[in-house]
Amino acid sequence: MNEGGLSLEVVTRSPEGTRAVGAAIAAVIAPGDVVLLIGELGSGKTVLTKGLVAALGGGESTTSPTFTLCHSYPTTPPVAHVDCYRLEPGGDLADLALDEALEDGGVAVVEWGERARGLLGAGALECVLSVPVASSPAGRGPADGDTRVIALTSHGVSWSARNKSLAVGLAAAGLEVAARGAQEGRRQS
């Protein structure tokens, strides 16, 4: 449930822009936060995470944890980067002890986050990444290789209280940002 009633939609036109979204999230992140990343293969989930981890002091060595399920980065606060692609919804995720990492002041960034909604989604920032489809007669393929539309929806009071700061950070990074009502944003995800 979105307690704040607001979603943000960001358009990025390069991998650097998608990393800038991650950096803007990092600027408002707090210990115990959860960021759910939702999108198809190649939509930019790991690229966004690279920006977030780098902004928290983790450098540029961030990689997808598809085969290891979880990478930990000694950032401030520490980041647990999880990939739920190979996990059953709600199943094996509990075995990763993310609740302990969050209680210890870490943050969780979860790729294929729709599979973690039931366990971690109540107070999460949900980021739905999509690649726009070209408006060609065939209607196939991305509009261009780098454009992404990222819908950011705050769930719970904590994230909702930071919506304005997040919007300001995104705009300061030179990104195209629009606010939408929560119900409109939810229908798009």
N, C-alpha and C. Protein backbone atom coordinates (compact mmCIF):
# COMPACT_ATOMS: atom_id res chain seq x y z
N MET A 1 0.84 -1.18 0.00
CA MET A 1 0.00 0.00 0.00
C MET A 1 0.88 1.24 0.00
N ASN A 2 0.59 2.14 -0.83
CA ASN A 2 1.35 3.38 -0.90
C ASN A 2 0.72 4.38 0.04
N GLU A 3 1.39 4.66 1.14
CA GLU A 3 0.87 5.57 2.15
C GLU A 3 1.02 7.03 1.73
N GLY A 4 1.96 7.33 0.83
CA GLY A 4 2.21 8.71 0.48
C GLY A 4 1.40 9.21 -0.69
N GLY A 5 0.79 8.30 -1.47
CA GLY A 5 -0.06 8.71 -2.56
C GLY A 5 0.67 9.29 -3.75
N LEU A 6 1.97 9.06 -3.88
CA LEU A 6 2.72 9.67 -4.96
C LEU A 6 3.74 8.69 -5.53
N SER A 7 3.82 8.67 -6.84
CA SER A 7 4.87 7.94 -7.54
C SER A 7 5.62 8.94 -8.40
N LEU A 8 6.85 8.63 -8.67
CA LEU A 8 7.66 9.45 -9.57
C LEU A 8 7.99 8.62 -10.80
N GLU A 9 7.97 9.27 -11.96
CA GLU A 9 8.38 8.60 -13.18
C GLU A 9 9.58 9.35 -13.73
N VAL A 10 10.62 8.61 -14.01
CA VAL A 10 11.88 9.19 -14.49
C VAL A 10 12.19 8.59 -15.85
N VAL A 11 12.65 9.41 -16.77
CA VAL A 11 13.11 8.93 -18.07
C VAL A 11 14.61 9.15 -18.12
N THR A 12 15.34 8.07 -18.41
CA THR A 12 16.78 8.18 -18.60
C THR A 12 17.10 7.86 -20.05
N ARG A 13 18.16 8.45 -20.56
CA ARG A 13 18.50 8.26 -21.97
C ARG A 13 19.87 7.62 -22.17
N SER A 14 20.46 7.15 -21.05
CA SER A 14 21.79 6.52 -21.13
C SER A 14 22.00 5.68 -19.87
N PRO A 15 22.97 4.76 -19.91
CA PRO A 15 23.30 4.03 -18.69
C PRO A 15 23.73 4.97 -17.56
N GLU A 16 24.40 6.07 -17.92
CA GLU A 16 24.81 7.04 -16.90
C GLU A 16 23.58 7.65 -16.22
N GLY A 17 22.53 7.91 -16.99
CA GLY A 17 21.29 8.43 -16.42
C GLY A 17 20.64 7.43 -15.47
N THR A 18 20.67 6.15 -15.85
CA THR A 18 20.11 5.11 -14.98
C THR A 18 20.94 4.99 -13.71
N ARG A 19 22.26 5.09 -13.82
CA ARG A 19 23.11 5.10 -12.61
C ARG A 19 22.80 6.32 -11.75
N ALA A 20 22.49 7.45 -12.38
CA ALA A 20 22.15 8.67 -11.63
C ALA A 20 20.88 8.47 -10.80
N VAL A 21 19.93 7.68 -11.30
CA VAL A 21 18.74 7.36 -10.51
C VAL A 21 19.16 6.60 -9.25
N GLY A 22 20.06 5.63 -9.41
CA GLY A 22 20.56 4.89 -8.25
C GLY A 22 21.26 5.80 -7.26
N ALA A 23 22.05 6.75 -7.76
CA ALA A 23 22.74 7.70 -6.88
C ALA A 23 21.75 8.59 -6.14
N ALA A 24 20.68 9.00 -6.81
CA ALA A 24 19.66 9.84 -6.16
C ALA A 24 18.95 9.05 -5.06
N ILE A 25 18.70 7.78 -5.30
CA ILE A 25 18.11 6.94 -4.26
C ILE A 25 19.07 6.81 -3.09
N ALA A 26 20.35 6.61 -3.39
CA ALA A 26 21.36 6.49 -2.33
C ALA A 26 21.41 7.73 -1.45
N ALA A 27 21.16 8.88 -2.03
CA ALA A 27 21.22 10.14 -1.27
C ALA A 27 20.14 10.23 -0.20
N VAL A 28 19.06 9.46 -0.35
CA VAL A 28 17.97 9.51 0.63
C VAL A 28 17.77 8.19 1.36
N ILE A 29 18.61 7.21 1.08
CA ILE A 29 18.44 5.89 1.68
C ILE A 29 18.81 5.92 3.16
N ALA A 30 18.18 5.05 3.93
CA ALA A 30 18.43 4.97 5.36
C ALA A 30 18.63 3.51 5.76
N PRO A 31 19.36 3.26 6.83
CA PRO A 31 19.53 1.88 7.31
C PRO A 31 18.16 1.20 7.49
N GLY A 32 18.10 -0.04 7.03
CA GLY A 32 16.86 -0.81 7.12
C GLY A 32 15.96 -0.70 5.91
N ASP A 33 16.33 0.12 4.92
CA ASP A 33 15.51 0.31 3.73
C ASP A 33 15.59 -0.87 2.78
N VAL A 34 14.52 -1.03 2.00
CA VAL A 34 14.44 -2.04 0.96
C VAL A 34 14.09 -1.33 -0.34
N VAL A 35 14.82 -1.68 -1.41
CA VAL A 35 14.55 -1.18 -2.75
C VAL A 35 14.26 -2.39 -3.62
N LEU A 36 13.05 -2.47 -4.14
CA LEU A 36 12.65 -3.57 -5.02
C LEU A 36 12.79 -3.11 -6.47
N LEU A 37 13.58 -3.83 -7.26
CA LEU A 37 13.79 -3.51 -8.67
C LEU A 37 13.02 -4.52 -9.51
N ILE A 38 12.16 -4.00 -10.38
CA ILE A 38 11.29 -4.85 -11.19
C ILE A 38 11.47 -4.46 -12.64
N GLY A 39 11.69 -5.45 -13.50
CA GLY A 39 11.84 -5.19 -14.92
C GLY A 39 12.37 -6.41 -15.64
N GLU A 40 12.18 -6.42 -16.92
CA GLU A 40 12.63 -7.53 -17.74
C GLU A 40 14.15 -7.59 -17.81
N LEU A 41 14.68 -8.68 -18.34
CA LEU A 41 16.12 -8.79 -18.58
C LEU A 41 16.57 -7.60 -19.42
N GLY A 42 17.66 -6.97 -19.05
CA GLY A 42 18.20 -5.86 -19.81
C GLY A 42 17.54 -4.52 -19.57
N SER A 43 16.66 -4.44 -18.59
CA SER A 43 15.95 -3.18 -18.35
C SER A 43 16.77 -2.18 -17.54
N GLY A 44 17.86 -2.62 -16.92
CA GLY A 44 18.72 -1.69 -16.20
C GLY A 44 18.76 -1.86 -14.69
N LYS A 45 18.28 -2.98 -14.17
CA LYS A 45 18.25 -3.19 -12.73
C LYS A 45 19.65 -3.15 -12.13
N THR A 46 20.59 -3.86 -12.72
CA THR A 46 21.95 -3.87 -12.20
C THR A 46 22.64 -2.53 -12.43
N VAL A 47 22.35 -1.87 -13.53
CA VAL A 47 22.93 -0.55 -13.80
C VAL A 47 22.48 0.45 -12.73
N LEU A 48 21.20 0.44 -12.38
CA LEU A 48 20.71 1.31 -11.32
C LEU A 48 21.42 0.98 -10.00
N THR A 49 21.58 -0.30 -9.72
CA THR A 49 22.26 -0.72 -8.49
C THR A 49 23.70 -0.26 -8.47
N LYS A 50 24.38 -0.28 -9.62
CA LYS A 50 25.76 0.22 -9.68
C LYS A 50 25.82 1.67 -9.23
N GLY A 51 24.87 2.50 -9.67
CA GLY A 51 24.85 3.89 -9.27
C GLY A 51 24.61 4.05 -7.78
N LEU A 52 23.71 3.25 -7.22
CA LEU A 52 23.40 3.31 -5.80
C LEU A 52 24.61 2.90 -4.97
N VAL A 53 25.21 1.76 -5.31
CA VAL A 53 26.36 1.26 -4.56
C VAL A 53 27.54 2.22 -4.66
N ALA A 54 27.81 2.74 -5.85
CA ALA A 54 28.92 3.68 -6.02
C ALA A 54 28.70 4.94 -5.19
N ALA A 55 27.48 5.45 -5.15
CA ALA A 55 27.18 6.66 -4.38
C ALA A 55 27.33 6.43 -2.88
N LEU A 56 27.20 5.18 -2.45
CA LEU A 56 27.37 4.86 -1.03
C LEU A 56 28.81 4.47 -0.70
N GLY A 57 29.72 4.62 -1.67
CA GLY A 57 31.14 4.37 -1.43
C GLY A 57 31.63 3.00 -1.84
N GLY A 58 30.87 2.31 -2.68
CA GLY A 58 31.23 0.94 -3.06
C GLY A 58 31.98 0.78 -4.36
N GLY A 59 32.33 1.84 -5.04
CA GLY A 59 33.07 1.72 -6.29
C GLY A 59 32.20 1.24 -7.42
N GLU A 60 32.82 0.85 -8.50
CA GLU A 60 32.11 0.46 -9.73
C GLU A 60 32.11 -1.04 -9.99
N SER A 61 32.49 -1.86 -9.00
CA SER A 61 32.61 -3.30 -9.24
C SER A 61 31.31 -4.07 -9.01
N THR A 62 30.20 -3.42 -8.97
CA THR A 62 28.91 -4.07 -8.73
C THR A 62 28.55 -4.94 -9.92
N THR A 63 28.17 -6.18 -9.62
CA THR A 63 27.73 -7.11 -10.66
C THR A 63 26.42 -7.76 -10.24
N SER A 64 25.73 -8.35 -11.19
CA SER A 64 24.48 -9.03 -10.89
C SER A 64 24.74 -10.28 -10.06
N PRO A 65 23.97 -10.49 -8.99
CA PRO A 65 24.15 -11.68 -8.17
C PRO A 65 23.29 -12.86 -8.63
N THR A 66 23.04 -12.98 -9.93
CA THR A 66 22.16 -14.02 -10.44
C THR A 66 22.56 -15.41 -9.96
N PHE A 67 23.83 -15.74 -10.00
CA PHE A 67 24.25 -17.10 -9.66
C PHE A 67 24.61 -17.27 -8.20
N THR A 68 25.00 -16.19 -7.53
CA THR A 68 25.34 -16.28 -6.10
C THR A 68 24.16 -15.90 -5.22
N LEU A 69 23.11 -15.35 -5.79
CA LEU A 69 21.88 -14.90 -5.15
C LEU A 69 22.04 -13.61 -4.35
N CYS A 70 23.20 -13.39 -3.70
CA CYS A 70 23.37 -12.19 -2.90
C CYS A 70 24.83 -11.74 -2.90
N HIS A 71 25.06 -10.49 -3.19
CA HIS A 71 26.37 -9.86 -3.02
C HIS A 71 26.24 -8.85 -1.89
N SER A 72 27.25 -8.78 -1.07
CA SER A 72 27.27 -7.77 0.00
C SER A 72 28.35 -6.76 -0.31
N TYR A 73 28.02 -5.48 -0.12
CA TYR A 73 28.97 -4.40 -0.37
C TYR A 73 29.18 -3.63 0.93
N PRO A 74 30.45 -3.43 1.32
CA PRO A 74 30.76 -2.73 2.57
C PRO A 74 30.67 -1.22 2.42
N THR A 75 29.48 -0.77 2.09
CA THR A 75 29.22 0.65 1.89
C THR A 75 28.65 1.22 3.19
N THR A 76 28.30 2.49 3.17
CA THR A 76 27.66 3.11 4.33
C THR A 76 26.31 3.65 3.91
N PRO A 77 25.21 3.01 4.31
CA PRO A 77 25.10 1.75 5.03
C PRO A 77 25.44 0.56 4.12
N PRO A 78 25.72 -0.61 4.72
CA PRO A 78 26.04 -1.79 3.92
C PRO A 78 24.87 -2.18 3.01
N VAL A 79 25.19 -2.67 1.82
CA VAL A 79 24.17 -3.06 0.85
C VAL A 79 24.21 -4.57 0.64
N ALA A 80 23.04 -5.20 0.73
CA ALA A 80 22.85 -6.59 0.32
C ALA A 80 22.12 -6.52 -1.02
N HIS A 81 22.79 -6.94 -2.07
CA HIS A 81 22.24 -6.89 -3.44
C HIS A 81 21.78 -8.31 -3.78
N VAL A 82 20.49 -8.49 -3.90
CA VAL A 82 19.90 -9.82 -4.06
C VAL A 82 19.26 -9.94 -5.43
N ASP A 83 19.34 -11.14 -6.00
CA ASP A 83 18.68 -11.43 -7.27
C ASP A 83 17.72 -12.58 -7.03
N CYS A 84 16.44 -12.33 -7.21
CA CYS A 84 15.41 -13.34 -6.96
C CYS A 84 14.99 -14.10 -8.21
N TYR A 85 15.70 -13.92 -9.32
CA TYR A 85 15.30 -14.53 -10.59
C TYR A 85 15.12 -16.04 -10.47
N ARG A 86 16.06 -16.69 -9.78
CA ARG A 86 16.01 -18.15 -9.67
C ARG A 86 15.27 -18.64 -8.43
N LEU A 87 14.74 -17.72 -7.64
CA LEU A 87 14.04 -18.11 -6.41
C LEU A 87 12.55 -18.23 -6.65
N GLU A 88 11.94 -19.13 -5.94
CA GLU A 88 10.48 -19.23 -5.97
C GLU A 88 9.91 -18.06 -5.19
N PRO A 89 8.85 -17.44 -5.67
CA PRO A 89 8.26 -16.31 -4.94
C PRO A 89 7.97 -16.66 -3.47
N GLY A 90 8.55 -15.87 -2.56
CA GLY A 90 8.34 -16.06 -1.13
C GLY A 90 9.05 -17.24 -0.52
N GLY A 91 9.72 -18.06 -1.32
CA GLY A 91 10.33 -19.28 -0.82
C GLY A 91 11.72 -19.09 -0.24
N ASP A 92 12.72 -19.33 -1.06
CA ASP A 92 14.11 -19.34 -0.61
C ASP A 92 14.62 -17.99 -0.13
N LEU A 93 13.91 -16.93 -0.38
CA LEU A 93 14.34 -15.60 0.02
C LEU A 93 14.54 -15.51 1.53
N ALA A 94 13.70 -16.15 2.29
CA ALA A 94 13.83 -16.13 3.75
C ALA A 94 15.15 -16.73 4.20
N ASP A 95 15.69 -17.67 3.43
CA ASP A 95 16.96 -18.32 3.78
C ASP A 95 18.17 -17.39 3.65
N LEU A 96 18.02 -16.26 2.98
CA LEU A 96 19.14 -15.33 2.78
C LEU A 96 19.38 -14.44 3.99
N ALA A 97 18.54 -14.51 5.00
CA ALA A 97 18.68 -13.74 6.26
C ALA A 97 18.74 -12.23 6.02
N LEU A 98 17.96 -11.76 5.07
CA LEU A 98 17.92 -10.32 4.82
C LEU A 98 17.36 -9.55 6.00
N ASP A 99 16.44 -10.18 6.73
CA ASP A 99 15.88 -9.50 7.89
C ASP A 99 16.96 -9.15 8.90
N GLU A 100 17.95 -10.04 9.06
CA GLU A 100 19.06 -9.76 9.96
C GLU A 100 19.94 -8.62 9.44
N ALA A 101 20.21 -8.63 8.14
CA ALA A 101 21.01 -7.56 7.54
C ALA A 101 20.32 -6.22 7.72
N LEU A 102 19.01 -6.19 7.55
CA LEU A 102 18.25 -4.95 7.70
C LEU A 102 18.23 -4.50 9.16
N GLU A 103 18.06 -5.43 10.07
CA GLU A 103 18.07 -5.11 11.50
C GLU A 103 19.43 -4.58 11.95
N ASP A 104 20.49 -5.04 11.28
CA ASP A 104 21.85 -4.60 11.61
C ASP A 104 22.22 -3.28 10.93
N GLY A 105 21.24 -2.62 10.30
CA GLY A 105 21.49 -1.32 9.70
C GLY A 105 21.86 -1.34 8.23
N GLY A 106 21.74 -2.48 7.58
CA GLY A 106 22.01 -2.56 6.16
C GLY A 106 20.78 -2.21 5.35
N VAL A 107 20.95 -2.17 4.04
CA VAL A 107 19.84 -1.97 3.11
C VAL A 107 19.83 -3.14 2.14
N ALA A 108 18.66 -3.45 1.61
CA ALA A 108 18.53 -4.53 0.63
C ALA A 108 18.08 -3.94 -0.70
N VAL A 109 18.79 -4.29 -1.75
CA VAL A 109 18.41 -3.93 -3.11
C VAL A 109 18.11 -5.26 -3.80
N VAL A 110 16.86 -5.45 -4.22
CA VAL A 110 16.40 -6.76 -4.67
C VAL A 110 15.98 -6.71 -6.13
N GLU A 111 16.76 -7.38 -6.99
CA GLU A 111 16.39 -7.52 -8.40
C GLU A 111 15.33 -8.60 -8.51
N TRP A 112 14.42 -8.45 -9.48
CA TRP A 112 13.24 -9.30 -9.62
C TRP A 112 12.43 -9.17 -8.34
N GLY A 113 12.30 -7.92 -7.89
CA GLY A 113 11.68 -7.61 -6.62
C GLY A 113 10.23 -8.01 -6.49
N GLU A 114 9.53 -8.22 -7.60
CA GLU A 114 8.14 -8.66 -7.51
C GLU A 114 8.03 -10.00 -6.78
N ARG A 115 9.11 -10.78 -6.77
CA ARG A 115 9.11 -12.07 -6.09
C ARG A 115 9.34 -11.91 -4.59
N ALA A 116 9.71 -10.69 -4.16
CA ALA A 116 9.98 -10.44 -2.74
C ALA A 116 8.93 -9.54 -2.11
N ARG A 117 7.94 -9.11 -2.87
CA ARG A 117 6.93 -8.18 -2.34
C ARG A 117 6.29 -8.68 -1.06
N GLY A 118 5.91 -9.93 -1.02
CA GLY A 118 5.21 -10.47 0.15
C GLY A 118 6.05 -10.42 1.41
N LEU A 119 7.34 -10.61 1.28
CA LEU A 119 8.24 -10.64 2.44
C LEU A 119 8.81 -9.27 2.77
N LEU A 120 9.14 -8.47 1.75
CA LEU A 120 9.87 -7.22 1.98
C LEU A 120 9.18 -5.95 1.48
N GLY A 121 8.05 -6.08 0.82
CA GLY A 121 7.47 -4.95 0.12
C GLY A 121 6.70 -3.92 0.91
N ALA A 122 6.33 -4.22 2.16
CA ALA A 122 5.45 -3.32 2.92
C ALA A 122 6.02 -1.92 3.08
N GLY A 123 7.30 -1.78 3.29
CA GLY A 123 7.90 -0.46 3.47
C GLY A 123 8.97 -0.17 2.46
N ALA A 124 8.83 -0.69 1.26
CA ALA A 124 9.89 -0.61 0.25
C ALA A 124 9.69 0.55 -0.72
N LEU A 125 10.78 0.89 -1.40
CA LEU A 125 10.72 1.75 -2.58
C LEU A 125 10.72 0.80 -3.76
N GLU A 126 9.68 0.84 -4.56
CA GLU A 126 9.54 -0.04 -5.70
C GLU A 126 9.94 0.71 -6.96
N CYS A 127 10.87 0.15 -7.71
CA CYS A 127 11.38 0.76 -8.95
C CYS A 127 11.06 -0.18 -10.11
N VAL A 128 10.14 0.24 -10.97
CA VAL A 128 9.78 -0.57 -12.13
C VAL A 128 10.48 0.04 -13.34
N LEU A 129 11.41 -0.73 -13.92
CA LEU A 129 12.20 -0.26 -15.05
C LEU A 129 11.65 -0.87 -16.33
N SER A 130 11.48 -0.05 -17.35
CA SER A 130 11.01 -0.56 -18.62
C SER A 130 11.75 0.10 -19.77
N VAL A 131 11.80 -0.63 -20.87
CA VAL A 131 12.40 -0.14 -22.11
C VAL A 131 11.25 0.21 -23.03
N PRO A 132 11.11 1.49 -23.41
CA PRO A 132 9.99 1.87 -24.29
C PRO A 132 10.08 1.15 -25.62
N VAL A 133 8.92 0.79 -26.13
CA VAL A 133 8.84 0.11 -27.43
C VAL A 133 8.73 1.17 -28.52
N ALA A 134 9.44 0.95 -29.60
CA ALA A 134 9.42 1.89 -30.73
C ALA A 134 8.01 1.99 -31.29
N SER A 135 7.70 3.15 -31.82
CA SER A 135 6.38 3.33 -32.43
C SER A 135 6.45 3.09 -33.93
N SER A 136 7.26 2.14 -34.32
CA SER A 136 7.36 1.80 -35.73
C SER A 136 6.11 1.03 -36.15
N PRO A 137 5.88 0.91 -37.45
CA PRO A 137 4.71 0.15 -37.91
C PRO A 137 4.68 -1.27 -37.35
N ALA A 138 5.84 -1.86 -37.18
CA ALA A 138 5.89 -3.22 -36.64
C ALA A 138 5.71 -3.21 -35.13
N GLY A 139 6.00 -2.06 -34.48
CA GLY A 139 5.82 -1.94 -33.04
C GLY A 139 6.74 -2.82 -32.23
N ARG A 140 7.90 -3.14 -32.78
CA ARG A 140 8.83 -4.03 -32.10
C ARG A 140 10.12 -3.30 -31.78
N GLY A 141 10.77 -3.79 -30.74
CA GLY A 141 12.09 -3.30 -30.39
C GLY A 141 12.05 -2.03 -29.57
N PRO A 142 13.17 -1.77 -28.89
CA PRO A 142 13.23 -0.57 -28.06
C PRO A 142 13.24 0.70 -28.91
N ALA A 143 12.76 1.79 -28.32
CA ALA A 143 12.76 3.08 -29.00
C ALA A 143 14.19 3.45 -29.38
N ASP A 144 15.11 3.21 -28.49
CA ASP A 144 16.54 3.27 -28.76
C ASP A 144 17.18 2.38 -27.71
N GLY A 145 18.43 2.11 -27.84
CA GLY A 145 19.07 1.15 -26.95
C GLY A 145 19.25 1.59 -25.52
N ASP A 146 19.18 2.89 -25.24
CA ASP A 146 19.53 3.37 -23.91
C ASP A 146 18.39 3.98 -23.10
N THR A 147 17.28 4.32 -23.72
CA THR A 147 16.19 4.97 -23.00
C THR A 147 15.51 3.98 -22.05
N ARG A 148 15.26 4.45 -20.82
CA ARG A 148 14.54 3.67 -19.82
C ARG A 148 13.50 4.57 -19.17
N VAL A 149 12.38 4.00 -18.83
CA VAL A 149 11.37 4.68 -18.02
C VAL A 149 11.37 3.96 -16.69
N ILE A 150 11.54 4.71 -15.61
CA ILE A 150 11.63 4.12 -14.28
C ILE A 150 10.53 4.74 -13.42
N ALA A 151 9.59 3.91 -12.99
CA ALA A 151 8.51 4.34 -12.09
C ALA A 151 8.92 4.00 -10.67
N LEU A 152 9.01 5.02 -9.83
CA LEU A 152 9.42 4.86 -8.44
C LEU A 152 8.18 5.06 -7.56
N THR A 153 7.81 4.04 -6.81
CA THR A 153 6.63 4.11 -5.96
C THR A 153 7.05 3.85 -4.52
N SER A 154 6.72 4.78 -3.65
CA SER A 154 7.04 4.68 -2.23
C SER A 154 5.95 3.91 -1.51
N HIS A 155 6.35 2.91 -0.75
CA HIS A 155 5.42 2.15 0.08
C HIS A 155 5.78 2.40 1.53
N GLY A 156 4.82 2.73 2.33
CA GLY A 156 5.06 2.99 3.74
C GLY A 156 5.40 4.44 3.99
N VAL A 157 5.26 4.82 5.22
CA VAL A 157 5.44 6.20 5.64
C VAL A 157 6.87 6.68 5.47
N SER A 158 7.85 5.83 5.77
CA SER A 158 9.26 6.25 5.73
C SER A 158 9.68 6.71 4.33
N TRP A 159 9.42 5.88 3.32
CA TRP A 159 9.79 6.27 1.95
C TRP A 159 8.94 7.43 1.47
N SER A 160 7.66 7.40 1.80
CA SER A 160 6.77 8.47 1.34
C SER A 160 7.22 9.83 1.84
N ALA A 161 7.78 9.86 3.05
CA ALA A 161 8.27 11.12 3.61
C ALA A 161 9.48 11.66 2.85
N ARG A 162 10.13 10.79 2.08
CA ARG A 162 11.33 11.20 1.33
C ARG A 162 11.06 11.44 -0.14
N ASN A 163 9.81 11.34 -0.58
CA ASN A 163 9.47 11.54 -2.00
C ASN A 163 9.99 12.86 -2.54
N LYS A 164 9.76 13.93 -1.80
CA LYS A 164 10.15 15.26 -2.30
C LYS A 164 11.67 15.35 -2.43
N SER A 165 12.40 14.88 -1.44
CA SER A 165 13.87 14.91 -1.51
C SER A 165 14.38 14.07 -2.67
N LEU A 166 13.75 12.93 -2.89
CA LEU A 166 14.14 12.08 -4.02
C LEU A 166 13.87 12.79 -5.33
N ALA A 167 12.72 13.42 -5.47
CA ALA A 167 12.38 14.15 -6.70
C ALA A 167 13.38 15.28 -6.95
N VAL A 168 13.75 16.00 -5.89
CA VAL A 168 14.71 17.09 -6.04
C VAL A 168 16.06 16.54 -6.49
N GLY A 169 16.50 15.43 -5.91
CA GLY A 169 17.78 14.82 -6.30
C GLY A 169 17.79 14.34 -7.74
N LEU A 170 16.68 13.77 -8.18
CA LEU A 170 16.57 13.31 -9.57
C LEU A 170 16.63 14.49 -10.53
N ALA A 171 15.91 15.56 -10.21
CA ALA A 171 15.91 16.75 -11.06
C ALA A 171 17.29 17.40 -11.07
N ALA A 172 17.96 17.43 -9.93
CA ALA A 172 19.30 18.02 -9.85
C ALA A 172 20.30 17.24 -10.71
N ALA A 173 20.04 15.95 -10.93
CA ALA A 173 20.90 15.14 -11.79
C ALA A 173 20.59 15.35 -13.26
N GLY A 174 19.63 16.24 -13.56
CA GLY A 174 19.29 16.54 -14.95
C GLY A 174 18.36 15.53 -15.58
N LEU A 175 17.65 14.76 -14.77
CA LEU A 175 16.76 13.74 -15.29
C LEU A 175 15.34 14.29 -15.47
N GLU A 176 14.60 13.70 -16.41
CA GLU A 176 13.21 14.06 -16.64
C GLU A 176 12.37 13.37 -15.57
N VAL A 177 11.70 14.16 -14.71
CA VAL A 177 10.94 13.61 -13.59
C VAL A 177 9.51 14.13 -13.65
N ALA A 178 8.55 13.23 -13.44
CA ALA A 178 7.15 13.62 -13.35
C ALA A 178 6.54 12.91 -12.15
N ALA A 179 5.67 13.61 -11.43
CA ALA A 179 4.94 13.01 -10.31
C ALA A 179 3.62 12.47 -10.84
N ARG A 180 3.21 11.34 -10.29
CA ARG A 180 1.93 10.73 -10.65
C ARG A 180 1.23 10.30 -9.39
N GLY A 181 -0.09 10.16 -9.44
CA GLY A 181 -0.84 9.62 -8.32
C GLY A 181 -0.48 8.16 -8.11
N ALA A 182 -0.58 7.70 -6.90
CA ALA A 182 -0.19 6.32 -6.57
C ALA A 182 -0.99 5.30 -7.34
N GLN A 183 -2.29 5.47 -7.50
CA GLN A 183 -3.10 4.48 -8.20
C GLN A 183 -2.69 4.38 -9.66
N GLU A 184 -2.38 5.52 -10.29
CA GLU A 184 -1.93 5.52 -11.68
C GLU A 184 -0.61 4.77 -11.79
N GLY A 185 0.33 5.05 -10.87
CA GLY A 185 1.62 4.38 -10.89
C GLY A 185 1.50 2.89 -10.66
N ARG A 186 0.58 2.46 -9.79
CA ARG A 186 0.41 1.06 -9.49
C ARG A 186 -0.13 0.29 -10.68
N ARG A 187 -1.04 0.91 -11.43
CA ARG A 187 -1.60 0.24 -12.60
C ARG A 187 -0.52 -0.03 -13.64
N GLN A 188 0.50 0.80 -13.71
CA GLN A 188 1.55 0.65 -14.70
C GLN A 188 2.51 -0.47 -14.35
N SER A 189 2.59 -0.89 -13.10
CA SER A 189 3.58 -1.90 -12.70
C SER A 189 3.10 -3.30 -12.83
